[in-house]
Amino acid sequence: ELECEPAGGSHPVARQACDRLAQLPGEGADPFTPVPRD
């Protein structure tokens, strides 16, 4: 489990994981979108 703002849950590196998720919008990246079939 990963909770952010504040970081917590059972994730082994919750703080680093939340920091990475916070960076993604600034990169214009959506890591949850599947790879296009083509």
PDB file of all heavy atoms in Angstrom:
ATOM      1  N   GLU A   1       0.862  -1.180   0.000  1.00  0.00           N
ATOM      2  CA  GLU A   1       0.000   0.000   0.000  1.00  0.00           C
ATOM      3  C   GLU A   1       0.900   1.231   0.000  1.00  0.00           C
ATOM      4  O   GLU A   1       1.899   1.269   0.712  1.00  0.00           O
ATOM      5  CB  GLU A   1      -0.902   0.024   1.236  1.00  0.00           C
ATOM      6  CG  GLU A   1      -1.843  -1.153   1.332  1.00  0.00           C
ATOM      7  CD  GLU A   1      -2.874  -1.186   0.217  1.00  0.00           C
ATOM      8  OE1 GLU A   1      -3.406  -0.116  -0.145  1.00  0.00           O
ATOM      9  OE2 GLU A   1      -3.137  -2.285  -0.292  1.00  0.00           O
ATOM     10  N   LEU A   2       0.540   2.220  -0.798  1.00  0.00           N
ATOM     11  CA  LEU A   2       1.309   3.461  -0.864  1.00  0.00           C
ATOM     12  C   LEU A   2       0.362   4.634  -0.702  1.00  0.00           C
ATOM     13  O   LEU A   2      -0.593   4.789  -1.468  1.00  0.00           O
ATOM     14  CB  LEU A   2       2.045   3.569  -2.204  1.00  0.00           C
ATOM     15  CG  LEU A   2       2.830   4.859  -2.442  1.00  0.00           C
ATOM     16  CD1 LEU A   2       3.956   5.012  -1.417  1.00  0.00           C
ATOM     17  CD2 LEU A   2       3.390   4.888  -3.862  1.00  0.00           C
ATOM     18  N   GLU A   3       0.604   5.433   0.299  1.00  0.00           N
ATOM     19  CA  GLU A   3      -0.139   6.680   0.536  1.00  0.00           C
ATOM     20  C   GLU A   3       0.843   7.831   0.350  1.00  0.00           C
ATOM     21  O   GLU A   3       1.988   7.747   0.787  1.00  0.00           O
ATOM     22  CB  GLU A   3      -0.662   6.735   1.977  1.00  0.00           C
ATOM     23  CG  GLU A   3      -1.663   5.678   2.328  1.00  0.00           C
ATOM     24  CD  GLU A   3      -3.083   6.077   2.000  1.00  0.00           C
ATOM     25  OE1 GLU A   3      -3.319   7.258   1.696  1.00  0.00           O
ATOM     26  OE2 GLU A   3      -3.936   5.194   2.035  1.00  0.00           O
ATOM     27  N   CYS A   4       0.392   8.884  -0.269  1.00  0.00           N
ATOM     28  CA  CYS A   4       1.236  10.076  -0.414  1.00  0.00           C
ATOM     29  C   CYS A   4       0.510  11.271   0.191  1.00  0.00           C
ATOM     30  O   CYS A   4      -0.715  11.306   0.245  1.00  0.00           O
ATOM     31  CB  CYS A   4       1.547  10.337  -1.883  1.00  0.00           C
ATOM     32  SG  CYS A   4       2.542   9.033  -2.640  1.00  0.00           S
ATOM     33  N   GLU A   5       1.312  12.247   0.602  1.00  0.00           N
ATOM     34  CA  GLU A   5       0.826  13.503   1.181  1.00  0.00           C
ATOM     35  C   GLU A   5       0.043  13.270   2.466  1.00  0.00           C
ATOM     36  O   GLU A   5      -1.134  13.581   2.510  1.00  0.00           O
ATOM     37  CB  GLU A   5       0.000  14.271   0.144  1.00  0.00           C
ATOM     38  CG  GLU A   5       0.777  14.581  -1.097  1.00  0.00           C
ATOM     39  CD  GLU A   5      -0.136  14.972  -2.250  1.00  0.00           C
ATOM     40  OE1 GLU A   5      -1.254  15.462  -2.011  1.00  0.00           O
ATOM     41  OE2 GLU A   5       0.264  14.781  -3.387  1.00  0.00           O
ATOM     42  N   PRO A   6       0.631  12.725   3.500  1.00  0.00           N
ATOM     43  CA  PRO A   6       2.042  12.375   3.679  1.00  0.00           C
ATOM     44  C   PRO A   6       2.334  10.949   3.219  1.00  0.00           C
ATOM     45  O   PRO A   6       1.435  10.122   3.096  1.00  0.00           O
ATOM     46  CB  PRO A   6       2.234  12.484   5.182  1.00  0.00           C
ATOM     47  CG  PRO A   6       0.907  12.113   5.758  1.00  0.00           C
ATOM     48  CD  PRO A   6      -0.110  12.636   4.767  1.00  0.00           C
ATOM     49  N   ALA A   7       3.618  10.691   2.979  1.00  0.00           N
ATOM     50  CA  ALA A   7       4.048   9.370   2.519  1.00  0.00           C
ATOM     51  C   ALA A   7       3.870   8.350   3.632  1.00  0.00           C
ATOM     52  O   ALA A   7       4.172   8.613   4.791  1.00  0.00           O
ATOM     53  CB  ALA A   7       5.504   9.419   2.082  1.00  0.00           C
ATOM     54  N   GLY A   8       3.359   7.184   3.243  1.00  0.00           N
ATOM     55  CA  GLY A   8       3.185   6.123   4.226  1.00  0.00           C
ATOM     56  C   GLY A   8       2.641   4.876   3.566  1.00  0.00           C
ATOM     57  O   GLY A   8       2.626   4.744   2.349  1.00  0.00           O
ATOM     58  N   GLY A   9       2.199   3.958   4.387  1.00  0.00           N
ATOM     59  CA  GLY A   9       1.704   2.673   3.908  1.00  0.00           C
ATOM     60  C   GLY A   9       2.765   1.612   4.098  1.00  0.00           C
ATOM     61  O   GLY A   9       3.799   1.839   4.724  1.00  0.00           O
ATOM     62  N   SER A  10       2.527   0.448   3.508  1.00  0.00           N
ATOM     63  CA  SER A  10       3.457  -0.670   3.671  1.00  0.00           C
ATOM     64  C   SER A  10       4.513  -0.726   2.570  1.00  0.00           C
ATOM     65  O   SER A  10       5.337  -1.642   2.559  1.00  0.00           O
ATOM     66  CB  SER A  10       2.668  -1.988   3.706  1.00  0.00           C
ATOM     67  OG  SER A  10       1.950  -2.169   2.488  1.00  0.00           O
ATOM     68  N   HIS A  11       4.501   0.215   1.640  1.00  0.00           N
ATOM     69  CA  HIS A  11       5.506   0.240   0.568  1.00  0.00           C
ATOM     70  C   HIS A  11       6.888   0.400   1.196  1.00  0.00           C
ATOM     71  O   HIS A  11       7.083   1.270   2.063  1.00  0.00           O
ATOM     72  CB  HIS A  11       5.221   1.387  -0.399  1.00  0.00           C
ATOM     73  CG  HIS A  11       5.963   1.290  -1.682  1.00  0.00           C
ATOM     74  ND1 HIS A  11       7.294   1.591  -1.785  1.00  0.00           N
ATOM     75  CD2 HIS A  11       5.553   0.907  -2.928  1.00  0.00           C
ATOM     76  CE1 HIS A  11       7.681   1.418  -3.031  1.00  0.00           C
ATOM     77  NE2 HIS A  11       6.646   0.999  -3.743  1.00  0.00           N
ATOM     78  N   PRO A  12       7.876  -0.399   0.768  1.00  0.00           N
ATOM     79  CA  PRO A  12       9.195  -0.369   1.425  1.00  0.00           C
ATOM     80  C   PRO A  12       9.943   0.959   1.307  1.00  0.00           C
ATOM     81  O   PRO A  12      10.764   1.274   2.165  1.00  0.00           O
ATOM     82  CB  PRO A  12       9.970  -1.510   0.766  1.00  0.00           C
ATOM     83  CG  PRO A  12       9.206  -1.887  -0.445  1.00  0.00           C
ATOM     84  CD  PRO A  12       7.800  -1.424  -0.263  1.00  0.00           C
ATOM     85  N   VAL A  13       9.702   1.716   0.262  1.00  0.00           N
ATOM     86  CA  VAL A  13      10.364   3.022   0.111  1.00  0.00           C
ATOM     87  C   VAL A  13       9.298   4.067  -0.239  1.00  0.00           C
ATOM     88  O   VAL A  13       9.348   4.710  -1.298  1.00  0.00           O
ATOM     89  CB  VAL A  13      11.511   2.977  -0.936  1.00  0.00           C
ATOM     90  CG1 VAL A  13      12.705   2.201  -0.413  1.00  0.00           C
ATOM     91  CG2 VAL A  13      11.037   2.400  -2.259  1.00  0.00           C
ATOM     92  N   ALA A  14       8.359   4.242   0.662  1.00  0.00           N
ATOM     93  CA  ALA A  14       7.194   5.103   0.412  1.00  0.00           C
ATOM     94  C   ALA A  14       7.597   6.537   0.064  1.00  0.00           C
ATOM     95  O   ALA A  14       7.060   7.124  -0.884  1.00  0.00           O
ATOM     96  CB  ALA A  14       6.254   5.078   1.612  1.00  0.00           C
ATOM     97  N   ARG A  15       8.505   7.118   0.805  1.00  0.00           N
ATOM     98  CA  ARG A  15       8.886   8.516   0.552  1.00  0.00           C
ATOM     99  C   ARG A  15       9.462   8.682  -0.853  1.00  0.00           C
ATOM    100  O   ARG A  15       9.088   9.590  -1.594  1.00  0.00           O
ATOM    101  CB  ARG A  15       9.901   8.970   1.612  1.00  0.00           C
ATOM    102  CG  ARG A  15      10.523  10.343   1.387  1.00  0.00           C
ATOM    103  CD  ARG A  15       9.631  11.513   1.813  1.00  0.00           C
ATOM    104  NE  ARG A  15       8.783  11.949   0.701  1.00  0.00           N
ATOM    105  CZ  ARG A  15       7.552  12.446   0.811  1.00  0.00           C
ATOM    106  NH1 ARG A  15       6.997  12.608   1.965  1.00  0.00           N
ATOM    107  NH2 ARG A  15       6.862  12.817  -0.227  1.00  0.00           N
ATOM    108  N   GLN A  16      10.377   7.801  -1.256  1.00  0.00           N
ATOM    109  CA  GLN A  16      10.978   7.889  -2.587  1.00  0.00           C
ATOM    110  C   GLN A  16       9.926   7.633  -3.675  1.00  0.00           C
ATOM    111  O   GLN A  16       9.935   8.287  -4.719  1.00  0.00           O
ATOM    112  CB  GLN A  16      12.131   6.889  -2.743  1.00  0.00           C
ATOM    113  CG  GLN A  16      13.326   7.194  -1.860  1.00  0.00           C
ATOM    114  CD  GLN A  16      13.267   6.448  -0.527  1.00  0.00           C
ATOM    115  OE1 GLN A  16      12.205   6.213   0.030  1.00  0.00           O
ATOM    116  NE2 GLN A  16      14.432   6.098  -0.013  1.00  0.00           N
ATOM    117  N   ALA A  17       9.012   6.693  -3.429  1.00  0.00           N
ATOM    118  CA  ALA A  17       7.958   6.404  -4.403  1.00  0.00           C
ATOM    119  C   ALA A  17       7.043   7.618  -4.583  1.00  0.00           C
ATOM    120  O   ALA A  17       6.694   7.983  -5.710  1.00  0.00           O
ATOM    121  CB  ALA A  17       7.161   5.184  -3.968  1.00  0.00           C
ATOM    122  N   CYS A  18       6.667   8.257  -3.493  1.00  0.00           N
ATOM    123  CA  CYS A  18       5.815   9.455  -3.578  1.00  0.00           C
ATOM    124  C   CYS A  18       6.548  10.595  -4.265  1.00  0.00           C
ATOM    125  O   CYS A  18       5.951  11.332  -5.055  1.00  0.00           O
ATOM    126  CB  CYS A  18       5.350   9.865  -2.184  1.00  0.00           C
ATOM    127  SG  CYS A  18       4.135   8.739  -1.478  1.00  0.00           S
ATOM    128  N   ASP A  19       7.849  10.736  -3.985  1.00  0.00           N
ATOM    129  CA  ASP A  19       8.635  11.773  -4.658  1.00  0.00           C
ATOM    130  C   ASP A  19       8.638  11.542  -6.169  1.00  0.00           C
ATOM    131  O   ASP A  19       8.489  12.478  -6.951  1.00  0.00           O
ATOM    132  CB  ASP A  19      10.070  11.793  -4.129  1.00  0.00           C
ATOM    133  CG  ASP A  19      10.173  12.351  -2.723  1.00  0.00           C
ATOM    134  OD1 ASP A  19       9.196  12.949  -2.223  1.00  0.00           O
ATOM    135  OD2 ASP A  19      11.253  12.163  -2.099  1.00  0.00           O
ATOM    136  N   ARG A  20       8.784  10.290  -6.590  1.00  0.00           N
ATOM    137  CA  ARG A  20       8.782   9.978  -8.023  1.00  0.00           C
ATOM    138  C   ARG A  20       7.421  10.288  -8.642  1.00  0.00           C
ATOM    139  O   ARG A  20       7.338  10.877  -9.719  1.00  0.00           O
ATOM    140  CB  ARG A  20       9.145   8.506  -8.247  1.00  0.00           C
ATOM    141  CG  ARG A  20       9.130   8.097  -9.704  1.00  0.00           C
ATOM    142  CD  ARG A  20      10.187   8.865 -10.502  1.00  0.00           C
ATOM    143  NE  ARG A  20      10.053   8.597 -11.930  1.00  0.00           N
ATOM    144  CZ  ARG A  20      10.099   9.539 -12.856  1.00  0.00           C
ATOM    145  NH1 ARG A  20      10.297  10.808 -12.542  1.00  0.00           N
ATOM    146  NH2 ARG A  20       9.968   9.224 -14.125  1.00  0.00           N
ATOM    147  N   LEU A  21       6.349   9.912  -7.977  1.00  0.00           N
ATOM    148  CA  LEU A  21       5.010  10.205  -8.495  1.00  0.00           C
ATOM    149  C   LEU A  21       4.781  11.707  -8.608  1.00  0.00           C
ATOM    150  O   LEU A  21       4.102  12.170  -9.531  1.00  0.00           O
ATOM    151  CB  LEU A  21       3.948   9.568  -7.602  1.00  0.00           C
ATOM    152  CG  LEU A  21       3.850   8.042  -7.682  1.00  0.00           C
ATOM    153  CD1 LEU A  21       2.954   7.508  -6.582  1.00  0.00           C
ATOM    154  CD2 LEU A  21       3.356   7.601  -9.052  1.00  0.00           C
ATOM    155  N   ALA A  22       5.345  12.482  -7.697  1.00  0.00           N
ATOM    156  CA  ALA A  22       5.191  13.936  -7.737  1.00  0.00           C
ATOM    157  C   ALA A  22       5.958  14.551  -8.904  1.00  0.00           C
ATOM    158  O   ALA A  22       5.572  15.605  -9.416  1.00  0.00           O
ATOM    159  CB  ALA A  22       5.660  14.548  -6.416  1.00  0.00           C
ATOM    160  N   GLN A  23       7.031  13.911  -9.356  1.00  0.00           N
ATOM    161  CA  GLN A  23       7.833  14.419 -10.475  1.00  0.00           C
ATOM    162  C   GLN A  23       7.148  14.218 -11.824  1.00  0.00           C
ATOM    163  O   GLN A  23       7.363  14.991 -12.755  1.00  0.00           O
ATOM    164  CB  GLN A  23       9.180  13.696 -10.544  1.00  0.00           C
ATOM    165  CG  GLN A  23      10.119  13.990  -9.430  1.00  0.00           C
ATOM    166  CD  GLN A  23      11.341  13.071  -9.487  1.00  0.00           C
ATOM    167  OE1 GLN A  23      11.328  12.036 -10.159  1.00  0.00           O
ATOM    168  NE2 GLN A  23      12.386  13.442  -8.770  1.00  0.00           N
ATOM    169  N   LEU A  24       6.350  13.185 -11.956  1.00  0.00           N
ATOM    170  CA  LEU A  24       5.823  12.774 -13.264  1.00  0.00           C
ATOM    171  C   LEU A  24       5.002  13.832 -13.992  1.00  0.00           C
ATOM    172  O   LEU A  24       5.188  14.016 -15.196  1.00  0.00           O
ATOM    173  CB  LEU A  24       5.035  11.473 -13.125  1.00  0.00           C
ATOM    174  CG  LEU A  24       5.914  10.266 -12.787  1.00  0.00           C
ATOM    175  CD1 LEU A  24       5.064   9.094 -12.353  1.00  0.00           C
ATOM    176  CD2 LEU A  24       6.784   9.908 -13.970  1.00  0.00           C
ATOM    177  N   PRO A  25       4.100  14.564 -13.329  1.00  0.00           N
ATOM    178  CA  PRO A  25       3.342  15.580 -14.082  1.00  0.00           C
ATOM    179  C   PRO A  25       4.245  16.651 -14.695  1.00  0.00           C
ATOM    180  O   PRO A  25       3.992  17.119 -15.802  1.00  0.00           O
ATOM    181  CB  PRO A  25       2.399  16.180 -13.037  1.00  0.00           C
ATOM    182  CG  PRO A  25       2.249  15.109 -12.018  1.00  0.00           C
ATOM    183  CD  PRO A  25       3.584  14.425 -11.968  1.00  0.00           C
ATOM    184  N   GLY A  26       5.315  17.024 -14.019  1.00  0.00           N
ATOM    185  CA  GLY A  26       6.248  18.007 -14.553  1.00  0.00           C
ATOM    186  C   GLY A  26       7.003  17.502 -15.767  1.00  0.00           C
ATOM    187  O   GLY A  26       7.476  18.279 -16.591  1.00  0.00           O
ATOM    188  N   GLU A  27       7.111  16.189 -15.898  1.00  0.00           N
ATOM    189  CA  GLU A  27       7.771  15.574 -17.045  1.00  0.00           C
ATOM    190  C   GLU A  27       6.796  15.346 -18.190  1.00  0.00           C
ATOM    191  O   GLU A  27       7.184  14.866 -19.250  1.00  0.00           O
ATOM    192  CB  GLU A  27       8.401  14.232 -16.635  1.00  0.00           C
ATOM    193  CG  GLU A  27       9.503  14.366 -15.619  1.00  0.00           C
ATOM    194  CD  GLU A  27       9.989  13.017 -15.112  1.00  0.00           C
ATOM    195  OE1 GLU A  27       9.562  11.969 -15.632  1.00  0.00           O
ATOM    196  OE2 GLU A  27      10.813  13.019 -14.187  1.00  0.00           O
ATOM    197  N   GLY A  28       5.515  15.650 -17.947  1.00  0.00           N
ATOM    198  CA  GLY A  28       4.504  15.413 -18.962  1.00  0.00           C
ATOM    199  C   GLY A  28       4.278  13.926 -19.204  1.00  0.00           C
ATOM    200  O   GLY A  28       3.860  13.524 -20.274  1.00  0.00           O
ATOM    201  N   ALA A  29       4.587  13.127 -18.210  1.00  0.00           N
ATOM    202  CA  ALA A  29       4.498  11.681 -18.365  1.00  0.00           C
ATOM    203  C   ALA A  29       3.307  11.129 -17.593  1.00  0.00           C
ATOM    204  O   ALA A  29       2.998  11.578 -16.506  1.00  0.00           O
ATOM    205  CB  ALA A  29       5.782  11.035 -17.843  1.00  0.00           C
ATOM    206  N   ASP A  30       2.654  10.160 -18.197  1.00  0.00           N
ATOM    207  CA  ASP A  30       1.604   9.416 -17.511  1.00  0.00           C
ATOM    208  C   ASP A  30       2.018   7.950 -17.543  1.00  0.00           C
ATOM    209  O   ASP A  30       1.792   7.255 -18.531  1.00  0.00           O
ATOM    210  CB  ASP A  30       0.250   9.605 -18.188  1.00  0.00           C
ATOM    211  CG  ASP A  30      -0.867   8.868 -17.467  1.00  0.00           C
ATOM    212  OD1 ASP A  30      -0.583   8.072 -16.542  1.00  0.00           O
ATOM    213  OD2 ASP A  30      -2.035   9.075 -17.828  1.00  0.00           O
ATOM    214  N   PRO A  31       2.642   7.475 -16.492  1.00  0.00           N
ATOM    215  CA  PRO A  31       3.173   6.111 -16.501  1.00  0.00           C
ATOM    216  C   PRO A  31       2.088   5.040 -16.474  1.00  0.00           C
ATOM    217  O   PRO A  31       2.371   3.874 -16.683  1.00  0.00           O
ATOM    218  CB  PRO A  31       3.997   6.067 -15.216  1.00  0.00           C
ATOM    219  CG  PRO A  31       3.266   6.998 -14.311  1.00  0.00           C
ATOM    220  CD  PRO A  31       2.806   8.117 -15.201  1.00  0.00           C
ATOM    221  N   PHE A  32       0.862   5.434 -16.227  1.00  0.00           N
ATOM    222  CA  PHE A  32      -0.226   4.461 -16.112  1.00  0.00           C
ATOM    223  C   PHE A  32      -0.928   4.208 -17.442  1.00  0.00           C
ATOM    224  O   PHE A  32      -1.774   3.334 -17.547  1.00  0.00           O
ATOM    225  CB  PHE A  32      -1.217   4.917 -15.045  1.00  0.00           C
ATOM    226  CG  PHE A  32      -0.556   5.084 -13.703  1.00  0.00           C
ATOM    227  CD1 PHE A  32      -0.336   6.336 -13.169  1.00  0.00           C
ATOM    228  CD2 PHE A  32      -0.121   3.981 -12.988  1.00  0.00           C
ATOM    229  CE1 PHE A  32       0.294   6.490 -11.937  1.00  0.00           C
ATOM    230  CE2 PHE A  32       0.510   4.116 -11.760  1.00  0.00           C
ATOM    231  CZ  PHE A  32       0.716   5.379 -11.234  1.00  0.00           C
ATOM    232  N   THR A  33      -0.578   4.959 -18.473  1.00  0.00           N
ATOM    233  CA  THR A  33      -1.142   4.740 -19.794  1.00  0.00           C
ATOM    234  C   THR A  33      -0.437   3.556 -20.438  1.00  0.00           C
ATOM    235  O   THR A  33       0.790   3.506 -20.457  1.00  0.00           O
ATOM    236  CB  THR A  33      -0.952   5.995 -20.674  1.00  0.00           C
ATOM    237  OG1 THR A  33      -1.611   7.089 -20.049  1.00  0.00           O
ATOM    238  CG2 THR A  33      -1.511   5.787 -22.058  1.00  0.00           C
ATOM    239  N   PRO A  34      -1.190   2.608 -20.978  1.00  0.00           N
ATOM    240  CA  PRO A  34      -0.553   1.449 -21.617  1.00  0.00           C
ATOM    241  C   PRO A  34       0.235   1.850 -22.858  1.00  0.00           C
ATOM    242  O   PRO A  34      -0.027   2.883 -23.478  1.00  0.00           O
ATOM    243  CB  PRO A  34      -1.715   0.545 -22.002  1.00  0.00           C
ATOM    244  CG  PRO A  34      -2.949   1.147 -21.445  1.00  0.00           C
ATOM    245  CD  PRO A  34      -2.645   2.527 -20.990  1.00  0.00           C
ATOM    246  N   VAL A  35       1.171   1.001 -23.237  1.00  0.00           N
ATOM    247  CA  VAL A  35       1.925   1.195 -24.471  1.00  0.00           C
ATOM    248  C   VAL A  35       0.947   1.006 -25.636  1.00  0.00           C
ATOM    249  O   VAL A  35       0.198   0.023 -25.651  1.00  0.00           O
ATOM    250  CB  VAL A  35       3.087   0.179 -24.570  1.00  0.00           C
ATOM    251  CG1 VAL A  35       3.774   0.265 -25.921  1.00  0.00           C
ATOM    252  CG2 VAL A  35       4.083   0.406 -23.438  1.00  0.00           C
ATOM    253  N   PRO A  36       0.914   1.916 -26.605  1.00  0.00           N
ATOM    254  CA  PRO A  36       0.003   1.749 -27.746  1.00  0.00           C
ATOM    255  C   PRO A  36       0.289   0.446 -28.494  1.00  0.00           C
ATOM    256  O   PRO A  36       1.440   0.022 -28.609  1.00  0.00           O
ATOM    257  CB  PRO A  36       0.321   2.957 -28.640  1.00  0.00           C
ATOM    258  CG  PRO A  36       0.966   3.949 -27.730  1.00  0.00           C
ATOM    259  CD  PRO A  36       1.682   3.158 -26.679  1.00  0.00           C
ATOM    260  N   ARG A  37      -0.748  -0.168 -29.003  1.00  0.00           N
ATOM    261  CA  ARG A  37      -0.609  -1.452 -29.716  1.00  0.00           C
ATOM    262  C   ARG A  37       0.298  -1.341 -30.934  1.00  0.00           C
ATOM    263  O   ARG A  37       0.967  -2.298 -31.298  1.00  0.00           O
ATOM    264  CB  ARG A  37      -1.972  -1.964 -30.151  1.00  0.00           C
ATOM    265  CG  ARG A  37      -2.821  -2.432 -28.998  1.00  0.00           C
ATOM    266  CD  ARG A  37      -4.068  -3.147 -29.533  1.00  0.00           C
ATOM    267  NE  ARG A  37      -4.938  -3.548 -28.463  1.00  0.00           N
ATOM    268  CZ  ARG A  37      -4.864  -4.714 -27.838  1.00  0.00           C
ATOM    269  NH1 ARG A  37      -3.947  -5.583 -28.186  1.00  0.00           N
ATOM    270  NH2 ARG A  37      -5.706  -5.012 -26.872  1.00  0.00           N
ATOM    271  N   ASP A  38       0.322  -0.176 -31.577  1.00  0.00           N
ATOM    272  CA  ASP A  38       1.131  -0.028 -32.788  1.00  0.00           C
ATOM    273  C   ASP A  38       2.527   0.537 -32.513  1.00  0.00           C
ATOM    274  O   ASP A  38       3.239   0.917 -33.429  1.00  0.00           O
ATOM    275  CB  ASP A  38       0.392   0.835 -33.812  1.00  0.00           C
ATOM    276  CG  ASP A  38       0.125   2.247 -33.310  1.00  0.00           C
ATOM    277  OD1 ASP A  38       0.314   2.518 -32.101  1.00  0.00           O
ATOM    278  OD2 ASP A  38      -0.291   3.092 -34.131  1.00  0.00           O
TER     279      ASP A  38
END
